[in-house]
């Protein structure tokens, strides 16, 4: 999986739901080819958005409880949380521009 920080069932509440800024969670799996294809784009966006939001990876095989809690039925799934609430959900491989267009309106400048 990507070199982004990992979040698990054990720390999801503290790092995502209770976070003080928006959090984009990349739900994926080691065996998922589209997830690996998406990883470099998500890493680029994490760098571009540094300080404006946190970007975390979640392995659905290792943290199935969180995936089920938010209805992740397909990977990759990108879910943006703002104030502990789901604000955006992108399922499947997405081009960088589509991800930016969905997420940027939720970010503080």
PDB file of N, CA and C in Angstrom:
ATOM      1  N   UNK A   1       0.843  -1.184   0.000  1.00  0.00           N
ATOM      2  CA  UNK A   1       0.000   0.000   0.000  1.00  0.00           C
ATOM      3  C   UNK A   1       0.886   1.243   0.000  1.00  0.00           C
ATOM      4  N   UNK A   2       0.271   2.365  -0.165  1.00  0.00           N
ATOM      5  CA  UNK A   2       1.000   3.622  -0.311  1.00  0.00           C
ATOM      6  C   UNK A   2       1.777   3.988   0.955  1.00  0.00           C
ATOM      7  N   UNK A   3       2.613   4.995   0.822  1.00  0.00           N
ATOM      8  CA  UNK A   3       3.425   5.450   1.945  1.00  0.00           C
ATOM      9  C   UNK A   3       2.690   6.454   2.827  1.00  0.00           C
ATOM     10  N   UNK A   4       1.404   6.545   2.681  1.00  0.00           N
ATOM     11  CA  UNK A   4       0.609   7.438   3.522  1.00  0.00           C
ATOM     12  C   UNK A   4       0.426   6.813   4.899  1.00  0.00           C
ATOM     13  N   UNK A   5       0.158   7.638   5.918  1.00  0.00           N
ATOM     14  CA  UNK A   5      -0.104   7.075   7.247  1.00  0.00           C
ATOM     15  C   UNK A   5      -1.311   6.134   7.207  1.00  0.00           C
ATOM     16  N   UNK A   6      -1.218   5.070   7.972  1.00  0.00           N
ATOM     17  CA  UNK A   6      -2.288   4.076   8.041  1.00  0.00           C
ATOM     18  C   UNK A   6      -3.220   4.385   9.204  1.00  0.00           C
ATOM     19  N   UNK A   7      -4.501   4.134   9.010  1.00  0.00           N
ATOM     20  CA  UNK A   7      -5.473   4.219  10.081  1.00  0.00           C
ATOM     21  C   UNK A   7      -6.106   2.835  10.201  1.00  0.00           C
ATOM     22  N   UNK A   8      -6.464   2.434  11.410  1.00  0.00           N
ATOM     23  CA  UNK A   8      -7.049   1.114  11.641  1.00  0.00           C
ATOM     24  C   UNK A   8      -8.356   1.264  12.417  1.00  0.00           C
ATOM     25  N   UNK A   9      -9.047   0.150  12.586  1.00  0.00           N
ATOM     26  CA  UNK A   9     -10.262   0.169  13.400  1.00  0.00           C
ATOM     27  C   UNK A   9      -9.976   0.754  14.787  1.00  0.00           C
ATOM     28  N   UNK A  10      -8.808   0.419  15.336  1.00  0.00           N
ATOM     29  CA  UNK A  10      -8.469   0.815  16.705  1.00  0.00           C
ATOM     30  C   UNK A  10      -8.343   2.327  16.881  1.00  0.00           C
ATOM     31  N   UNK A  11      -7.850   3.031  15.858  1.00  0.00           N
ATOM     32  CA  UNK A  11      -7.646   4.479  16.024  1.00  0.00           C
ATOM     33  C   UNK A  11      -8.492   5.328  15.072  1.00  0.00           C
ATOM     34  N   UNK A  12      -9.451   4.708  14.375  1.00  0.00           N
ATOM     35  CA  UNK A  12     -10.278   5.427  13.408  1.00  0.00           C
ATOM     36  C   UNK A  12     -11.058   6.559  14.069  1.00  0.00           C
ATOM     37  N   UNK A  13     -11.660   6.282  15.195  1.00  0.00           N
ATOM     38  CA  UNK A  13     -12.484   7.289  15.885  1.00  0.00           C
ATOM     39  C   UNK A  13     -11.649   8.528  16.215  1.00  0.00           C
ATOM     40  N   UNK A  14     -10.498   8.324  16.804  1.00  0.00           N
ATOM     41  CA  UNK A  14      -9.647   9.438  17.234  1.00  0.00           C
ATOM     42  C   UNK A  14      -9.041  10.190  16.057  1.00  0.00           C
ATOM     43  N   UNK A  15      -8.584   9.474  15.035  1.00  0.00           N
ATOM     44  CA  UNK A  15      -7.846  10.113  13.944  1.00  0.00           C
ATOM     45  C   UNK A  15      -8.725  10.635  12.821  1.00  0.00           C
ATOM     46  N   UNK A  16      -9.957  10.134  12.720  1.00  0.00           N
ATOM     47  CA  UNK A  16     -10.834  10.552  11.622  1.00  0.00           C
ATOM     48  C   UNK A  16     -12.071  11.275  12.140  1.00  0.00           C
ATOM     49  N   UNK A  17     -12.855  10.603  12.955  1.00  0.00           N
ATOM     50  CA  UNK A  17     -14.131  11.157  13.413  1.00  0.00           C
ATOM     51  C   UNK A  17     -13.919  12.379  14.304  1.00  0.00           C
ATOM     52  N   UNK A  18     -12.932  12.329  15.179  1.00  0.00           N
ATOM     53  CA  UNK A  18     -12.692  13.435  16.106  1.00  0.00           C
ATOM     54  C   UNK A  18     -11.625  14.418  15.616  1.00  0.00           C
ATOM     55  N   UNK A  19     -11.182  14.283  14.381  1.00  0.00           N
ATOM     56  CA  UNK A  19     -10.125  15.148  13.852  1.00  0.00           C
ATOM     57  C   UNK A  19     -10.582  16.597  13.784  1.00  0.00           C
ATOM     58  N   UNK A  20      -9.646  17.504  13.988  1.00  0.00           N
ATOM     59  CA  UNK A  20      -9.949  18.921  13.958  1.00  0.00           C
ATOM     60  C   UNK A  20      -9.980  19.528  12.569  1.00  0.00           C
ATOM     61  N   UNK A  21      -9.549  18.758  11.569  1.00  0.00           N
ATOM     62  CA  UNK A  21      -9.598  19.245  10.188  1.00  0.00           C
ATOM     63  C   UNK A  21     -10.125  18.123   9.301  1.00  0.00           C
ATOM     64  N   UNK A  22     -10.446  18.428   8.050  1.00  0.00           N
ATOM     65  CA  UNK A  22     -10.953  17.381   7.153  1.00  0.00           C
ATOM     66  C   UNK A  22      -9.951  16.227   7.019  1.00  0.00           C
ATOM     67  N   UNK A  23     -10.501  15.028   6.838  1.00  0.00           N
ATOM     68  CA  UNK A  23      -9.674  13.829   6.677  1.00  0.00           C
ATOM     69  C   UNK A  23     -10.197  13.057   5.460  1.00  0.00           C
ATOM     70  N   UNK A  24      -9.294  12.765   4.533  1.00  0.00           N
ATOM     71  CA  UNK A  24      -9.613  11.927   3.383  1.00  0.00           C
ATOM     72  C   UNK A  24      -9.074  10.531   3.674  1.00  0.00           C
ATOM     73  N   UNK A  25      -9.961   9.543   3.707  1.00  0.00           N
ATOM     74  CA  UNK A  25      -9.542   8.165   3.973  1.00  0.00           C
ATOM     75  C   UNK A  25      -9.612   7.383   2.670  1.00  0.00           C
ATOM     76  N   UNK A  26      -8.491   6.759   2.334  1.00  0.00           N
ATOM     77  CA  UNK A  26      -8.367   5.937   1.133  1.00  0.00           C
ATOM     78  C   UNK A  26      -8.547   4.479   1.569  1.00  0.00           C
ATOM     79  N   UNK A  27      -9.749   3.947   1.364  1.00  0.00           N
ATOM     80  CA  UNK A  27     -10.048   2.554   1.685  1.00  0.00           C
ATOM     81  C   UNK A  27      -9.545   1.689   0.534  1.00  0.00           C
ATOM     82  N   UNK A  28      -8.635   0.761   0.823  1.00  0.00           N
ATOM     83  CA  UNK A  28      -8.077  -0.078  -0.222  1.00  0.00           C
ATOM     84  C   UNK A  28      -7.636  -1.423   0.318  1.00  0.00           C
ATOM     85  N   UNK A  29      -6.901  -2.164  -0.519  1.00  0.00           N
ATOM     86  CA  UNK A  29      -6.397  -3.485  -0.138  1.00  0.00           C
ATOM     87  C   UNK A  29      -5.133  -3.781  -0.945  1.00  0.00           C
ATOM     88  N   UNK A  30      -4.268  -4.591  -0.353  1.00  0.00           N
ATOM     89  CA  UNK A  30      -3.007  -4.960  -1.019  1.00  0.00           C
ATOM     90  C   UNK A  30      -3.239  -5.596  -2.384  1.00  0.00           C
ATOM     91  N   UNK A  31      -4.255  -6.437  -2.502  1.00  0.00           N
ATOM     92  CA  UNK A  31      -4.499  -7.212  -3.718  1.00  0.00           C
ATOM     93  C   UNK A  31      -5.208  -6.414  -4.808  1.00  0.00           C
ATOM     94  N   UNK A  32      -5.592  -5.192  -4.512  1.00  0.00           N
ATOM     95  CA  UNK A  32      -6.422  -4.380  -5.414  1.00  0.00           C
ATOM     96  C   UNK A  32      -5.560  -3.599  -6.407  1.00  0.00           C
ATOM     97  N   UNK A  33      -5.620  -3.987  -7.687  1.00  0.00           N
ATOM     98  CA  UNK A  33      -4.833  -3.301  -8.716  1.00  0.00           C
ATOM     99  C   UNK A  33      -5.255  -1.841  -8.892  1.00  0.00           C
ATOM    100  N   UNK A  34      -6.560  -1.516  -8.988  1.00  0.00           N
ATOM    101  CA  UNK A  34      -6.943  -0.104  -9.103  1.00  0.00           C
ATOM    102  C   UNK A  34      -6.491   0.729  -7.895  1.00  0.00           C
ATOM    103  N   UNK A  35      -6.415   0.104  -6.719  1.00  0.00           N
ATOM    104  CA  UNK A  35      -5.922   0.813  -5.526  1.00  0.00           C
ATOM    105  C   UNK A  35      -4.465   1.223  -5.725  1.00  0.00           C
ATOM    106  N   UNK A  36      -3.654   0.300  -6.220  1.00  0.00           N
ATOM    107  CA  UNK A  36      -2.236   0.590  -6.458  1.00  0.00           C
ATOM    108  C   UNK A  36      -2.083   1.662  -7.527  1.00  0.00           C
ATOM    109  N   UNK A  37      -2.966   1.645  -8.516  1.00  0.00           N
ATOM    110  CA  UNK A  37      -2.941   2.651  -9.578  1.00  0.00           C
ATOM    111  C   UNK A  37      -3.316   4.031  -9.022  1.00  0.00           C
ATOM    112  N   UNK A  38      -4.197   4.068  -8.038  1.00  0.00           N
ATOM    113  CA  UNK A  38      -4.655   5.320  -7.445  1.00  0.00           C
ATOM    114  C   UNK A  38      -3.648   5.892  -6.448  1.00  0.00           C
ATOM    115  N   UNK A  39      -2.848   5.037  -5.829  1.00  0.00           N
ATOM    116  CA  UNK A  39      -1.922   5.456  -4.771  1.00  0.00           C
ATOM    117  C   UNK A  39      -1.078   6.682  -5.121  1.00  0.00           C
ATOM    118  N   UNK A  40      -0.408   6.730  -6.279  1.00  0.00           N
ATOM    119  CA  UNK A  40       0.430   7.909  -6.569  1.00  0.00           C
ATOM    120  C   UNK A  40      -0.382   9.205  -6.646  1.00  0.00           C
ATOM    121  N   UNK A  41      -1.592   9.138  -7.161  1.00  0.00           N
ATOM    122  CA  UNK A  41      -2.442  10.337  -7.235  1.00  0.00           C
ATOM    123  C   UNK A  41      -2.817  10.818  -5.839  1.00  0.00           C
ATOM    124  N   UNK A  42      -3.181   9.885  -4.976  1.00  0.00           N
ATOM    125  CA  UNK A  42      -3.572  10.244  -3.610  1.00  0.00           C
ATOM    126  C   UNK A  42      -2.366  10.807  -2.863  1.00  0.00           C
ATOM    127  N   UNK A  43      -1.198  10.242  -3.082  1.00  0.00           N
ATOM    128  CA  UNK A  43       0.013  10.753  -2.435  1.00  0.00           C
ATOM    129  C   UNK A  43       0.321  12.175  -2.910  1.00  0.00           C
ATOM    130  N   UNK A  44       0.161  12.446  -4.218  1.00  0.00           N
ATOM    131  CA  UNK A  44       0.355  13.793  -4.754  1.00  0.00           C
ATOM    132  C   UNK A  44      -0.611  14.774  -4.098  1.00  0.00           C
ATOM    133  N   UNK A  45      -1.862  14.385  -4.026  1.00  0.00           N
ATOM    134  CA  UNK A  45      -2.879  15.257  -3.436  1.00  0.00           C
ATOM    135  C   UNK A  45      -2.612  15.492  -1.953  1.00  0.00           C
ATOM    136  N   UNK A  46      -2.158  14.466  -1.250  1.00  0.00           N
ATOM    137  CA  UNK A  46      -1.822  14.623   0.169  1.00  0.00           C
ATOM    138  C   UNK A  46      -0.732  15.675   0.332  1.00  0.00           C
ATOM    139  N   UNK A  47       0.239  15.658  -0.560  1.00  0.00           N
ATOM    140  CA  UNK A  47       1.320  16.641  -0.515  1.00  0.00           C
ATOM    141  C   UNK A  47       0.791  18.038  -0.837  1.00  0.00           C
ATOM    142  N   UNK A  48      -0.043  18.142  -1.866  1.00  0.00           N
ATOM    143  CA  UNK A  48      -0.596  19.436  -2.275  1.00  0.00           C
ATOM    144  C   UNK A  48      -1.515  20.023  -1.203  1.00  0.00           C
ATOM    145  N   UNK A  49      -2.231  19.172  -0.493  1.00  0.00           N
ATOM    146  CA  UNK A  49      -3.193  19.621   0.508  1.00  0.00           C
ATOM    147  C   UNK A  49      -2.628  19.609   1.922  1.00  0.00           C
ATOM    148  N   UNK A  50      -1.340  19.411   2.070  1.00  0.00           N
ATOM    149  CA  UNK A  50      -0.719  19.337   3.397  1.00  0.00           C
ATOM    150  C   UNK A  50      -1.099  20.567   4.212  1.00  0.00           C
ATOM    151  N   UNK A  51      -1.520  20.342   5.450  1.00  0.00           N
ATOM    152  CA  UNK A  51      -1.928  21.422   6.324  1.00  0.00           C
ATOM    153  C   UNK A  51      -3.405  21.762   6.216  1.00  0.00           C
ATOM    154  N   UNK A  52      -4.032  21.385   5.096  1.00  0.00           N
ATOM    155  CA  UNK A  52      -5.451  21.687   4.891  1.00  0.00           C
ATOM    156  C   UNK A  52      -6.339  20.502   5.230  1.00  0.00           C
ATOM    157  N   UNK A  53      -5.787  19.297   5.095  1.00  0.00           N
ATOM    158  CA  UNK A  53      -6.489  18.083   5.482  1.00  0.00           C
ATOM    159  C   UNK A  53      -5.478  16.974   5.686  1.00  0.00           C
ATOM    160  N   UNK A  54      -5.893  15.924   6.371  1.00  0.00           N
ATOM    161  CA  UNK A  54      -5.066  14.737   6.545  1.00  0.00           C
ATOM    162  C   UNK A  54      -5.534  13.699   5.546  1.00  0.00           C
ATOM    163  N   UNK A  55      -4.596  12.930   5.010  1.00  0.00           N
ATOM    164  CA  UNK A  55      -4.922  11.828   4.111  1.00  0.00           C
ATOM    165  C   UNK A  55      -4.384  10.554   4.743  1.00  0.00           C
ATOM    166  N   UNK A  56      -5.281   9.583   4.948  1.00  0.00           N
ATOM    167  CA  UNK A  56      -4.925   8.334   5.603  1.00  0.00           C
ATOM    168  C   UNK A  56      -5.340   7.147   4.749  1.00  0.00           C
ATOM    169  N   UNK A  57      -4.605   6.047   4.860  1.00  0.00           N
ATOM    170  CA  UNK A  57      -4.938   4.790   4.179  1.00  0.00           C
ATOM    171  C   UNK A  57      -5.569   3.835   5.181  1.00  0.00           C
ATOM    172  N   UNK A  58      -6.543   3.068   4.710  1.00  0.00           N
ATOM    173  CA  UNK A  58      -7.136   2.027   5.539  1.00  0.00           C
ATOM    174  C   UNK A  58      -7.198   0.752   4.710  1.00  0.00           C
ATOM    175  N   UNK A  59      -6.609  -0.319   5.217  1.00  0.00           N
ATOM    176  CA  UNK A  59      -6.660  -1.616   4.550  1.00  0.00           C
ATOM    177  C   UNK A  59      -7.945  -2.314   4.979  1.00  0.00           C
ATOM    178  N   UNK A  60      -8.846  -2.533   4.024  1.00  0.00           N
ATOM    179  CA  UNK A  60     -10.163  -3.096   4.358  1.00  0.00           C
ATOM    180  C   UNK A  60     -10.070  -4.529   4.877  1.00  0.00           C
ATOM    181  N   UNK A  61      -9.016  -5.239   4.528  1.00  0.00           N
ATOM    182  CA  UNK A  61      -8.852  -6.605   5.035  1.00  0.00           C
ATOM    183  C   UNK A  61      -8.437  -6.594   6.507  1.00  0.00           C
ATOM    184  N   UNK A  62      -7.640  -5.609   6.889  1.00  0.00           N
ATOM    185  CA  UNK A  62      -7.156  -5.519   8.266  1.00  0.00           C
ATOM    186  C   UNK A  62      -8.122  -4.753   9.172  1.00  0.00           C
ATOM    187  N   UNK A  63      -8.923  -3.872   8.600  1.00  0.00           N
ATOM    188  CA  UNK A  63      -9.849  -3.031   9.374  1.00  0.00           C
ATOM    189  C   UNK A  63     -11.251  -3.091   8.764  1.00  0.00           C
ATOM    190  N   UNK A  64     -11.774  -4.290   8.710  1.00  0.00           N
ATOM    191  CA  UNK A  64     -13.080  -4.516   8.077  1.00  0.00           C
ATOM    192  C   UNK A  64     -14.217  -3.809   8.808  1.00  0.00           C
ATOM    193  N   UNK A  65     -14.087  -3.633  10.119  1.00  0.00           N
ATOM    194  CA  UNK A  65     -15.145  -2.991  10.899  1.00  0.00           C
ATOM    195  C   UNK A  65     -15.400  -1.560  10.410  1.00  0.00           C
ATOM    196  N   UNK A  66     -14.336  -0.793  10.198  1.00  0.00           N
ATOM    197  CA  UNK A  66     -14.496   0.581   9.713  1.00  0.00           C
ATOM    198  C   UNK A  66     -15.050   0.602   8.292  1.00  0.00           C
ATOM    199  N   UNK A  67     -14.583  -0.313   7.468  1.00  0.00           N
ATOM    200  CA  UNK A  67     -15.092  -0.384   6.092  1.00  0.00           C
ATOM    201  C   UNK A  67     -16.596  -0.677   6.099  1.00  0.00           C
ATOM    202  N   UNK A  68     -17.023  -1.614   6.928  1.00  0.00           N
ATOM    203  CA  UNK A  68     -18.444  -1.953   7.016  1.00  0.00           C
ATOM    204  C   UNK A  68     -19.241  -0.790   7.593  1.00  0.00           C
ATOM    205  N   UNK A  69     -18.701  -0.123   8.596  1.00  0.00           N
ATOM    206  CA  UNK A  69     -19.390   0.992   9.246  1.00  0.00           C
ATOM    207  C   UNK A  69     -19.768   2.085   8.250  1.00  0.00           C
ATOM    208  N   UNK A  70     -18.902   2.302   7.246  1.00  0.00           N
ATOM    209  CA  UNK A  70     -19.151   3.357   6.273  1.00  0.00           C
ATOM    210  C   UNK A  70     -19.578   2.822   4.911  1.00  0.00           C
ATOM    211  N   UNK A  71     -20.026   1.572   4.878  1.00  0.00           N
ATOM    212  CA  UNK A  71     -20.617   1.011   3.678  1.00  0.00           C
ATOM    213  C   UNK A  71     -19.679   0.868   2.503  1.00  0.00           C
ATOM    214  N   UNK A  72     -18.407   0.625   2.777  1.00  0.00           N
ATOM    215  CA  UNK A  72     -17.444   0.438   1.691  1.00  0.00           C
ATOM    216  C   UNK A  72     -17.627  -0.962   1.123  1.00  0.00           C
ATOM    217  N   UNK A  73     -18.183  -1.024  -0.071  1.00  0.00           N
ATOM    218  CA  UNK A  73     -18.463  -2.299  -0.723  1.00  0.00           C
ATOM    219  C   UNK A  73     -17.478  -2.598  -1.849  1.00  0.00           C
ATOM    220  N   UNK A  74     -16.732  -1.581  -2.255  1.00  0.00           N
ATOM    221  CA  UNK A  74     -15.822  -1.706  -3.376  1.00  0.00           C
ATOM    222  C   UNK A  74     -14.580  -0.868  -3.091  1.00  0.00           C
ATOM    223  N   UNK A  75     -13.422  -1.385  -3.492  1.00  0.00           N
ATOM    224  CA  UNK A  75     -12.174  -0.642  -3.332  1.00  0.00           C
ATOM    225  C   UNK A  75     -11.566  -0.380  -4.703  1.00  0.00           C
ATOM    226  N   UNK A  76     -10.889   0.740  -4.869  1.00  0.00           N
ATOM    227  CA  UNK A  76     -10.677   1.786  -3.875  1.00  0.00           C
ATOM    228  C   UNK A  76     -11.927   2.642  -3.668  1.00  0.00           C
ATOM    229  N   UNK A  77     -12.049   3.141  -2.449  1.00  0.00           N
ATOM    230  CA  UNK A  77     -13.078   4.125  -2.111  1.00  0.00           C
ATOM    231  C   UNK A  77     -12.398   5.248  -1.343  1.00  0.00           C
ATOM    232  N   UNK A  78     -12.630   6.468  -1.770  1.00  0.00           N
ATOM    233  CA  UNK A  78     -12.124   7.645  -1.074  1.00  0.00           C
ATOM    234  C   UNK A  78     -13.310   8.283  -0.368  1.00  0.00           C
ATOM    235  N   UNK A  79     -13.190   8.473   0.942  1.00  0.00           N
ATOM    236  CA  UNK A  79     -14.269   9.106   1.701  1.00  0.00           C
ATOM    237  C   UNK A  79     -13.690  10.299   2.444  1.00  0.00           C
ATOM    238  N   UNK A  80     -14.314  11.459   2.236  1.00  0.00           N
ATOM    239  CA  UNK A  80     -13.905  12.672   2.922  1.00  0.00           C
ATOM    240  C   UNK A  80     -14.793  12.881   4.139  1.00  0.00           C
ATOM    241  N   UNK A  81     -14.150  13.029   5.294  1.00  0.00           N
ATOM    242  CA  UNK A  81     -14.838  13.305   6.552  1.00  0.00           C
ATOM    243  C   UNK A  81     -14.534  14.742   6.957  1.00  0.00           C
ATOM    244  N   UNK A  82     -15.573  15.491   7.277  1.00  0.00           N
ATOM    245  CA  UNK A  82     -15.409  16.850   7.799  1.00  0.00           C
ATOM    246  C   UNK A  82     -16.253  16.937   9.061  1.00  0.00           C
ATOM    247  N   UNK A  83     -15.617  17.259  10.178  1.00  0.00           N
ATOM    248  CA  UNK A  83     -16.326  17.304  11.444  1.00  0.00           C
ATOM    249  C   UNK A  83     -16.949  15.973  11.815  1.00  0.00           C
ATOM    250  N   UNK A  84     -16.297  14.876  11.410  1.00  0.00           N
ATOM    251  CA  UNK A  84     -16.775  13.541  11.736  1.00  0.00           C
ATOM    252  C   UNK A  84     -17.872  13.019  10.829  1.00  0.00           C
ATOM    253  N   UNK A  85     -18.301  13.822   9.850  1.00  0.00           N
ATOM    254  CA  UNK A  85     -19.363  13.412   8.929  1.00  0.00           C
ATOM    255  C   UNK A  85     -18.821  13.154   7.534  1.00  0.00           C
ATOM    256  N   UNK A  86     -19.424  12.191   6.843  1.00  0.00           N
ATOM    257  CA  UNK A  86     -19.054  11.913   5.461  1.00  0.00           C
ATOM    258  C   UNK A  86     -19.589  13.040   4.581  1.00  0.00           C
ATOM    259  N   UNK A  87     -18.678  13.675   3.834  1.00  0.00           N
ATOM    260  CA  UNK A  87     -19.071  14.776   2.952  1.00  0.00           C
ATOM    261  C   UNK A  87     -18.952  14.408   1.474  1.00  0.00           C
ATOM    262  N   UNK A  88     -18.019  13.524   1.141  1.00  0.00           N
ATOM    263  CA  UNK A  88     -17.827  13.081  -0.246  1.00  0.00           C
ATOM    264  C   UNK A  88     -17.427  11.619  -0.240  1.00  0.00           C
ATOM    265  N   UNK A  89     -17.810  10.927  -1.321  1.00  0.00           N
ATOM    266  CA  UNK A  89     -17.457   9.516  -1.478  1.00  0.00           C
ATOM    267  C   UNK A  89     -17.189   9.283  -2.968  1.00  0.00           C
ATOM    268  N   UNK A  90     -16.000   8.800  -3.267  1.00  0.00           N
ATOM    269  CA  UNK A  90     -15.622   8.475  -4.642  1.00  0.00           C
ATOM    270  C   UNK A  90     -15.240   6.998  -4.672  1.00  0.00           C
ATOM    271  N   UNK A  91     -15.896   6.236  -5.530  1.00  0.00           N
ATOM    272  CA  UNK A  91     -15.673   4.790  -5.582  1.00  0.00           C
ATOM    273  C   UNK A  91     -15.013   4.427  -6.909  1.00  0.00           C
ATOM    274  N   UNK A  92     -13.978   3.587  -6.831  1.00  0.00           N
ATOM    275  CA  UNK A  92     -13.254   3.156  -8.015  1.00  0.00           C
ATOM    276  C   UNK A  92     -12.139   4.132  -8.346  1.00  0.00           C
ATOM    277  N   UNK A  93     -11.337   3.774  -9.338  1.00  0.00           N
ATOM    278  CA  UNK A  93     -10.250   4.651  -9.752  1.00  0.00           C
ATOM    279  C   UNK A  93     -10.834   5.945 -10.300  1.00  0.00           C
ATOM    280  N   UNK A  94     -10.285   7.063  -9.871  1.00  0.00           N
ATOM    281  CA  UNK A  94     -10.750   8.378 -10.319  1.00  0.00           C
ATOM    282  C   UNK A  94      -9.550   9.182 -10.817  1.00  0.00           C
ATOM    283  N   UNK A  95      -9.743   9.976 -11.870  1.00  0.00           N
ATOM    284  CA  UNK A  95      -8.665  10.872 -12.284  1.00  0.00           C
ATOM    285  C   UNK A  95      -8.431  11.951 -11.219  1.00  0.00           C
ATOM    286  N   UNK A  96      -7.211  12.449 -11.177  1.00  0.00           N
ATOM    287  CA  UNK A  96      -6.829  13.430 -10.166  1.00  0.00           C
ATOM    288  C   UNK A  96      -7.773  14.636 -10.172  1.00  0.00           C
ATOM    289  N   UNK A  97      -8.124  15.153 -11.336  1.00  0.00           N
ATOM    290  CA  UNK A  97      -8.985  16.339 -11.430  1.00  0.00           C
ATOM    291  C   UNK A  97     -10.356  16.078 -10.800  1.00  0.00           C
ATOM    292  N   UNK A  98     -10.882  14.895 -10.972  1.00  0.00           N
ATOM    293  CA  UNK A  98     -12.200  14.583 -10.388  1.00  0.00           C
ATOM    294  C   UNK A  98     -12.127  14.557  -8.862  1.00  0.00           C
ATOM    295  N   UNK A  99     -11.035  14.001  -8.335  1.00  0.00           N
ATOM    296  CA  UNK A  99     -10.845  13.976  -6.888  1.00  0.00           C
ATOM    297  C   UNK A  99     -10.728  15.408  -6.366  1.00  0.00           C
ATOM    298  N   UNK A 100      -9.912  16.222  -7.047  1.00  0.00           N
ATOM    299  CA  UNK A 100      -9.740  17.617  -6.636  1.00  0.00           C
ATOM    300  C   UNK A 100     -11.070  18.359  -6.646  1.00  0.00           C
ATOM    301  N   UNK A 101     -11.856  18.199  -7.702  1.00  0.00           N
ATOM    302  CA  UNK A 101     -13.125  18.899  -7.833  1.00  0.00           C
ATOM    303  C   UNK A 101     -14.107  18.506  -6.730  1.00  0.00           C
ATOM    304  N   UNK A 102     -14.048  17.265  -6.275  1.00  0.00           N
ATOM    305  CA  UNK A 102     -14.943  16.806  -5.225  1.00  0.00           C
ATOM    306  C   UNK A 102     -14.502  17.284  -3.842  1.00  0.00           C
ATOM    307  N   UNK A 103     -13.192  17.323  -3.603  1.00  0.00           N
ATOM    308  CA  UNK A 103     -12.673  17.582  -2.259  1.00  0.00           C
ATOM    309  C   UNK A 103     -12.433  19.071  -1.982  1.00  0.00           C
ATOM    310  N   UNK A 104     -11.882  19.789  -2.940  1.00  0.00           N
ATOM    311  CA  UNK A 104     -11.475  21.183  -2.707  1.00  0.00           C
ATOM    312  C   UNK A 104     -12.561  22.086  -2.132  1.00  0.00           C
ATOM    313  N   UNK A 105     -13.828  21.968  -2.541  1.00  0.00           N
ATOM    314  CA  UNK A 105     -14.846  22.857  -1.961  1.00  0.00           C
ATOM    315  C   UNK A 105     -15.003  22.699  -0.435  1.00  0.00           C
ATOM    316  N   UNK A 106     -14.529  21.606   0.118  1.00  0.00           N
ATOM    317  CA  UNK A 106     -14.662  21.339   1.556  1.00  0.00           C
ATOM    318  C   UNK A 106     -13.448  21.791   2.366  1.00  0.00           C
ATOM    319  N   UNK A 107     -12.433  22.329   1.690  1.00  0.00           N
ATOM    320  CA  UNK A 107     -11.198  22.693   2.371  1.00  0.00           C
ATOM    321  C   UNK A 107     -11.140  24.180   2.673  1.00  0.00           C
ATOM    322  N   UNK A 108     -10.551  24.501   3.825  1.00  0.00           N
ATOM    323  CA  UNK A 108     -10.281  25.900   4.171  1.00  0.00           C
ATOM    324  C   UNK A 108      -9.047  26.348   3.407  1.00  0.00           C
ATOM    325  N   UNK A 109      -8.995  27.586   3.013  1.00  0.00           N
ATOM    326  CA  UNK A 109      -7.810  28.080   2.275  1.00  0.00           C
ATOM    327  C   UNK A 109      -6.657  28.386   3.169  1.00  0.00           C
TER     328      UNK A 109
END
